[in-house]
Protein backbone atom coordinates (compact mmCIF):
# COMPACT_ATOMS: atom_id res chain seq x y z
CA MET A 1 -83.10 -12.13 -29.19
CA SER A 2 -80.04 -10.56 -30.78
CA THR A 3 -76.50 -11.35 -29.69
CA THR A 4 -76.11 -7.85 -28.29
CA GLU A 5 -79.29 -8.13 -26.21
CA SER A 6 -78.20 -11.58 -24.96
CA THR A 7 -74.85 -10.33 -23.76
CA ARG A 8 -76.43 -7.30 -22.09
CA GLN A 9 -79.07 -9.22 -20.14
CA PRO A 10 -76.89 -10.19 -17.10
CA LEU A 11 -75.60 -6.62 -16.87
CA ASP A 12 -79.14 -5.24 -17.10
CA ARG A 13 -80.32 -7.55 -14.31
CA LEU A 14 -77.46 -6.38 -12.08
CA ILE A 15 -78.38 -2.76 -12.75
CA LEU A 16 -82.03 -3.43 -11.90
CA MET A 17 -81.03 -5.25 -8.73
CA GLN A 18 -78.66 -2.45 -7.65
CA THR A 19 -81.35 0.15 -8.37
CA PHE A 20 -83.90 -1.72 -6.25
CA ILE A 21 -81.45 -1.94 -3.35
CA ARG A 22 -80.75 1.79 -3.61
CA ILE A 23 -84.50 2.61 -3.62
CA VAL A 24 -85.03 0.59 -0.44
CA GLU A 25 -82.04 2.07 1.37
CA ALA A 26 -82.61 5.64 0.17
CA GLY A 27 -86.32 5.52 1.08
CA SER A 28 -87.73 7.08 -2.11
CA LEU A 29 -87.40 7.11 -5.88
CA SER A 30 -86.13 10.67 -5.94
CA ALA A 31 -83.46 10.04 -3.31
CA ALA A 32 -82.36 6.89 -5.12
CA ALA A 33 -82.18 8.79 -8.41
CA SER A 34 -80.01 11.45 -6.81
CA GLN A 35 -77.62 8.87 -5.35
CA LEU A 36 -77.42 7.00 -8.67
CA ALA A 37 -76.89 10.24 -10.61
CA THR A 38 -79.89 9.58 -12.85
CA THR A 39 -83.50 10.72 -13.13
CA GLN A 40 -86.55 9.70 -11.12
CA PRO A 41 -88.40 8.39 -14.22
CA THR A 42 -85.39 6.15 -14.99
CA VAL A 43 -85.40 4.72 -11.48
CA SER A 44 -89.17 4.18 -11.61
CA ARG A 45 -88.87 2.47 -15.01
CA ARG A 46 -86.14 0.14 -13.70
CA LEU A 47 -88.29 -0.84 -10.74
CA GLN A 48 -91.25 -1.61 -13.01
CA THR A 49 -89.03 -3.62 -15.36
CA LEU A 50 -87.67 -5.67 -12.44
CA GLU A 51 -91.16 -6.41 -11.11
CA ARG A 52 -92.38 -7.45 -14.58
CA SER A 53 -89.40 -9.76 -15.07
CA LEU A 54 -89.99 -11.42 -11.69
CA GLY A 55 -93.76 -11.51 -12.00
CA VAL A 56 -94.24 -10.11 -8.48
CA THR A 57 -94.87 -6.78 -6.80
CA LEU A 58 -91.86 -5.73 -4.74
CA MET A 59 -93.17 -2.43 -3.40
CA HIS A 60 -96.50 -0.87 -2.53
CA ARG A 61 -96.59 2.79 -3.59
CA SER A 62 -98.89 5.37 -2.05
CA THR A 63 -98.98 9.07 -1.32
CA HIS A 64 -97.53 8.26 2.10
CA GLY A 65 -94.45 6.55 0.72
CA MET A 66 -93.26 3.11 -0.30
CA THR A 67 -93.34 -0.14 1.65
CA LEU A 68 -91.84 -3.51 0.78
CA THR A 69 -94.13 -6.44 0.09
CA GLU A 70 -93.25 -9.84 1.56
CA ALA A 71 -91.69 -10.76 -1.79
CA GLY A 72 -89.84 -7.44 -1.77
CA GLN A 73 -88.36 -8.14 1.66
CA ARG A 74 -87.11 -11.54 0.53
CA TYR A 75 -85.72 -10.16 -2.71
CA TYR A 76 -83.97 -7.27 -0.96
CA GLY A 77 -82.17 -9.53 1.52
CA ARG A 78 -81.00 -11.96 -1.13
CA ALA A 79 -80.14 -9.24 -3.64
CA ARG A 80 -77.82 -7.52 -1.15
CA GLU A 81 -75.98 -10.78 -0.58
CA LEU A 82 -75.68 -11.49 -4.30
CA ILE A 83 -74.37 -8.02 -5.09
CA ALA A 84 -71.82 -8.30 -2.27
CA GLN A 85 -70.70 -11.70 -3.56
CA TRP A 86 -70.43 -10.40 -7.11
CA SER A 87 -68.34 -7.43 -5.97
CA GLU A 88 -66.05 -9.70 -3.98
CA PHE A 89 -65.73 -12.04 -6.98
CA GLU A 90 -64.68 -9.19 -9.28
CA SER A 91 -62.26 -7.82 -6.69
CA ASP A 92 -60.74 -11.26 -6.20
CA LEU A 93 -60.21 -11.63 -9.95
CA ARG A 94 -58.52 -8.26 -10.11
CA GLY A 95 -56.31 -9.20 -7.20
CA THR A 96 -57.42 -6.20 -5.15
CA VAL A 97 -58.48 -8.26 -2.14
CA ASP A 98 -55.56 -9.57 -0.12
CA GLU A 99 -57.66 -10.98 2.68
CA PRO A 100 -61.19 -12.30 3.27
CA GLN A 101 -63.93 -9.76 3.82
CA GLY A 102 -67.69 -9.42 4.14
CA LEU A 103 -70.40 -11.31 6.01
CA LEU A 104 -70.14 -15.09 6.36
CA ARG A 105 -73.35 -16.89 7.36
CA VAL A 106 -72.73 -20.25 9.06
CA VAL A 107 -75.17 -22.83 10.47
CA ALA A 108 -73.82 -25.10 13.22
CA PRO A 109 -75.35 -27.71 15.56
CA HIS A 110 -76.66 -26.28 18.84
CA ALA A 111 -74.39 -28.04 21.31
CA PHE A 112 -71.27 -28.28 19.16
CA GLY A 113 -71.68 -24.71 17.96
CA GLN A 114 -71.94 -23.37 21.51
CA GLN A 115 -69.07 -25.27 23.06
CA GLN A 116 -66.51 -26.64 20.65
CA LEU A 117 -66.55 -24.16 17.78
CA VAL A 118 -66.70 -20.71 19.36
CA GLY A 119 -62.96 -20.80 20.13
CA PRO A 120 -61.96 -21.54 16.50
CA LEU A 121 -64.55 -18.98 15.36
CA ALA A 122 -62.93 -16.33 17.57
CA ASP A 123 -59.52 -17.23 16.15
CA TYR A 124 -60.88 -16.88 12.63
CA LEU A 125 -62.30 -13.42 13.33
CA ALA A 126 -59.06 -12.31 14.99
CA ARG A 127 -57.09 -13.46 11.95
CA TYR A 128 -59.43 -11.81 9.45
CA PRO A 129 -60.71 -8.49 10.89
CA ARG A 130 -62.57 -7.57 7.69
CA VAL A 131 -64.94 -10.51 8.07
CA SER A 132 -68.03 -10.68 10.28
CA VAL A 133 -69.98 -13.88 10.95
CA GLU A 134 -73.66 -14.62 11.46
CA TRP A 135 -73.50 -17.75 13.66
CA LEU A 136 -76.79 -19.66 13.42
CA LEU A 137 -77.32 -22.64 15.72
CA HIS A 138 -79.84 -25.27 14.64
CA ASP A 139 -79.95 -28.85 13.37
CA ALA A 140 -82.84 -28.51 10.91
CA PRO A 141 -82.48 -29.42 7.21
CA LEU A 142 -80.86 -26.62 5.26
CA ASN A 143 -81.49 -24.96 1.90
CA PHE A 144 -78.37 -22.90 1.24
CA VAL A 145 -79.87 -20.70 -1.47
CA GLU A 146 -83.24 -19.95 0.14
CA GLN A 147 -81.69 -19.25 3.55
CA GLY A 148 -78.72 -17.33 2.18
CA VAL A 149 -76.22 -19.49 4.09
CA ASP A 150 -72.58 -19.77 2.99
CA CYS A 151 -71.75 -23.02 4.77
CA ALA A 152 -72.83 -25.35 7.55
CA ILE A 153 -71.06 -27.52 10.09
CA ARG A 154 -72.63 -30.94 10.35
CA VAL A 155 -71.99 -33.80 12.77
CA GLY A 156 -72.61 -37.25 11.31
CA ALA A 157 -72.61 -38.68 7.81
CA VAL A 158 -73.32 -36.34 4.89
CA THR A 159 -75.09 -38.11 2.02
CA ASP A 160 -76.38 -35.16 -0.05
CA PRO A 161 -74.60 -35.28 -3.46
CA SER A 162 -75.43 -31.64 -4.16
CA VAL A 163 -72.96 -30.35 -1.55
CA ILE A 164 -69.24 -30.46 -0.88
CA ALA A 165 -68.38 -31.94 2.52
CA ILE A 166 -64.92 -31.32 4.00
CA ARG A 167 -64.12 -33.54 6.99
CA ILE A 168 -62.64 -31.42 9.79
CA ALA A 169 -62.88 -33.62 12.90
CA GLU A 170 -64.41 -36.66 14.50
CA VAL A 171 -66.16 -36.88 17.86
CA PRO A 172 -65.47 -39.90 20.13
CA ARG A 173 -68.57 -41.33 21.86
CA ILE A 174 -68.58 -43.28 25.11
CA VAL A 175 -71.25 -45.00 27.21
CA VAL A 176 -72.00 -43.33 30.55
CA ALA A 177 -74.52 -43.49 33.38
CA SER A 178 -75.14 -41.91 36.77
CA PRO A 179 -73.98 -43.87 39.84
CA ALA A 180 -77.60 -43.59 41.04
CA LEU A 181 -78.79 -45.57 38.02
CA LEU A 182 -76.52 -48.49 38.81
CA GLY A 183 -77.31 -48.56 42.53
CA THR A 184 -75.80 -51.70 43.99
CA ARG A 185 -75.30 -53.34 40.59
CA ARG A 186 -71.73 -53.81 39.46
CA ARG A 187 -70.46 -51.47 36.79
CA PRO A 188 -70.95 -53.04 33.33
CA ARG A 189 -67.62 -53.79 31.68
CA GLN A 190 -68.82 -55.94 28.77
CA PRO A 191 -71.42 -54.86 26.18
CA ASP A 192 -73.76 -57.76 26.84
CA TRP A 193 -74.16 -56.50 30.42
CA LEU A 194 -75.82 -53.34 29.07
CA LYS A 195 -79.04 -54.94 27.87
CA ASP A 196 -80.56 -55.04 31.37
CA ILE A 197 -80.28 -51.33 32.23
CA PRO A 198 -82.52 -48.43 31.12
CA TRP A 199 -81.30 -46.44 28.13
CA LEU A 200 -81.58 -42.97 26.65
CA ALA A 201 -81.32 -42.39 22.90
CA LEU A 202 -80.10 -39.54 20.71
CA GLY A 203 -82.61 -39.84 17.88
CA PRO A 204 -80.53 -38.60 14.93
CA TYR A 205 -77.75 -41.11 15.66
CA TYR A 206 -79.23 -44.12 17.47
CA ARG A 207 -82.65 -45.15 18.71
CA ASN A 208 -83.40 -48.86 19.11
CA GLU A 209 -79.84 -50.16 19.17
CA ILE A 210 -76.26 -49.01 19.23
CA VAL A 211 -73.14 -50.71 17.91
CA LEU A 212 -70.05 -50.68 20.13
CA HIS A 213 -66.54 -51.64 19.11
CA ASP A 214 -63.23 -52.28 20.86
CA ARG A 215 -59.68 -51.46 19.82
CA HIS A 216 -59.28 -54.87 18.16
CA GLY A 217 -62.14 -54.20 15.73
CA ASN A 218 -64.69 -56.43 17.46
CA THR A 219 -68.28 -55.14 17.44
CA HIS A 220 -71.33 -55.76 19.61
CA THR A 221 -74.88 -54.53 19.02
CA VAL A 222 -76.76 -53.44 22.12
CA PRO A 223 -80.57 -53.48 21.68
CA MET A 224 -82.61 -51.00 23.70
CA GLN A 225 -86.07 -49.66 24.41
CA PRO A 226 -85.12 -46.13 25.45
CA ARG A 227 -86.95 -44.31 28.21
CA ILE A 228 -86.29 -41.01 26.45
CA VAL A 229 -85.53 -40.29 22.80
CA THR A 230 -84.35 -36.75 22.09
CA ASP A 231 -82.49 -34.81 19.43
CA SER A 232 -80.72 -32.63 22.01
CA LEU A 233 -77.28 -33.56 23.27
CA TYR A 234 -77.70 -31.36 26.36
CA ALA A 235 -81.11 -32.86 27.19
CA LEU A 236 -79.61 -36.34 26.92
CA ARG A 237 -76.78 -35.39 29.28
CA SER A 238 -79.22 -33.86 31.79
CA ALA A 239 -81.35 -37.01 31.79
CA ALA A 240 -78.26 -39.19 32.28
CA LEU A 241 -77.14 -37.04 35.22
CA ARG A 242 -80.55 -37.53 36.82
CA GLY A 243 -80.25 -41.29 36.60
CA VAL A 244 -82.97 -41.83 34.00
CA GLY A 245 -80.82 -44.11 31.87
CA ALA A 246 -77.46 -44.86 30.30
CA ALA A 247 -76.44 -43.04 27.12
CA ALA A 248 -73.78 -42.95 24.43
CA LEU A 249 -72.55 -39.36 24.50
CA SER A 250 -69.79 -37.33 22.91
CA HIS A 251 -66.74 -37.49 25.15
CA TRP A 252 -66.32 -33.71 25.28
CA VAL A 253 -69.85 -33.28 26.65
CA VAL A 254 -69.34 -35.51 29.70
CA GLU A 255 -65.61 -35.42 30.49
CA ASP A 256 -66.08 -32.92 33.36
CA ASP A 257 -69.02 -34.93 34.75
CA ILE A 258 -66.85 -38.05 34.77
CA ALA A 259 -64.00 -36.20 36.48
CA ARG A 260 -66.39 -35.07 39.24
CA GLY A 261 -67.89 -38.54 39.60
CA ASP A 262 -71.36 -37.38 38.53
CA LEU A 263 -71.24 -39.84 35.63
CA ILE A 264 -69.41 -43.15 35.30
CA ARG A 265 -68.02 -44.55 32.08
CA LEU A 266 -69.43 -48.00 31.34
CA THR A 267 -67.69 -50.67 29.23
CA PRO A 268 -64.41 -48.66 29.18
CA ASP A 269 -62.86 -50.93 26.54
CA TRP A 270 -65.83 -50.42 24.21
CA GLN A 271 -67.20 -47.29 22.59
CA ALA A 272 -69.57 -46.20 19.85
CA ALA A 273 -68.11 -45.29 16.47
CA PRO A 274 -66.90 -41.67 16.46
CA LEU A 275 -69.07 -39.19 14.57
CA PRO A 276 -67.44 -37.31 11.68
CA VAL A 277 -67.66 -33.51 11.58
CA TYR A 278 -67.88 -31.72 8.23
CA VAL A 279 -67.94 -28.23 6.82
CA VAL A 280 -70.60 -28.39 4.10
CA TYR A 281 -71.32 -25.93 1.28
CA PRO A 282 -72.98 -26.06 -2.15
CA HIS A 283 -71.11 -26.61 -5.40
CA ALA A 284 -70.23 -23.33 -7.12
CA ALA A 285 -67.93 -22.00 -9.82
CA PHE A 286 -66.39 -19.53 -7.38
CA TYR A 287 -65.79 -19.71 -3.62
CA PRO A 288 -65.09 -16.38 -1.89
CA ALA A 289 -61.95 -15.96 0.19
CA LYS A 290 -64.02 -15.66 3.39
CA LEU A 291 -65.36 -19.21 2.89
CA ARG A 292 -62.07 -20.76 1.81
CA SER A 293 -60.25 -19.29 4.79
CA PHE A 294 -63.01 -20.37 7.20
CA VAL A 295 -62.68 -23.99 6.09
CA GLU A 296 -58.91 -23.89 6.52
CA VAL A 297 -59.12 -22.36 10.00
CA MET A 298 -61.65 -24.95 11.13
CA ARG A 299 -59.55 -27.81 9.81
CA GLY A 300 -56.44 -26.53 11.53
CA ALA A 301 -58.14 -25.61 14.79
CA LEU A 302 -59.71 -29.05 15.19
CA ASP A 303 -56.41 -30.76 14.30
CA ILE A 304 -57.57 -32.78 11.31
CA ASP A 305 -55.14 -33.81 8.59
């Protein structure tokens, strides 16, 4: 390959990608050609070149029109995001963008994303009116590229070396139970008193034991055979309220229940280690303003130095 061809290849791929997007959104080759100020044969040739380079069929053509294949649907969605990111990158370099803009796709944990983060998210959107956010709530493993996600908020340790993890908060955890669970038994104040009561477990963070610590740095491991193991913070709280067992729960989840007397804090001088909260995103040569500003808002809103 000549030097000229080598330097043109990235530009050619961008042109092919932009042409494909225009075909999909215009609905036909002729309409796309008109919008691109070129000819229909040129647009058709670009589409064929793109399909050959990818080794897949992106569109089914018939006398009734054109429909996207499954591969075409995936390529269209990702191509739109890539073109938008490229445009924002060029604008940022030219200094023409004074504030974040575009769509930011964020994955957050179900419970934390519903309760603790919507307020900071609203503040972020109010501060940057040219940004919109797709707020996805799930705890499943994440592939940033395949799912087209800009960043994720994760509770708990982050061990993946392929991502950048910015610590934005930590979540205190305390041991609680329903008064009905204790019955006539005295309220446990020392960790070794906890081994004789039923337990509930939050699978991603503890299952067969939990380590408690006091303000002096002493630790105590509480073994358990949980009646329920779940990955849902809300399900764990509901089971605790119904007297099924004791649980170590995030303080923010149960503080109102404690205030009403529906739950009681056990071992008040001992608690589980707080869980760190991170904003996580993949390594890249360039981070758009919408992502950089989101990280800063989250850090400030959750009061983390």
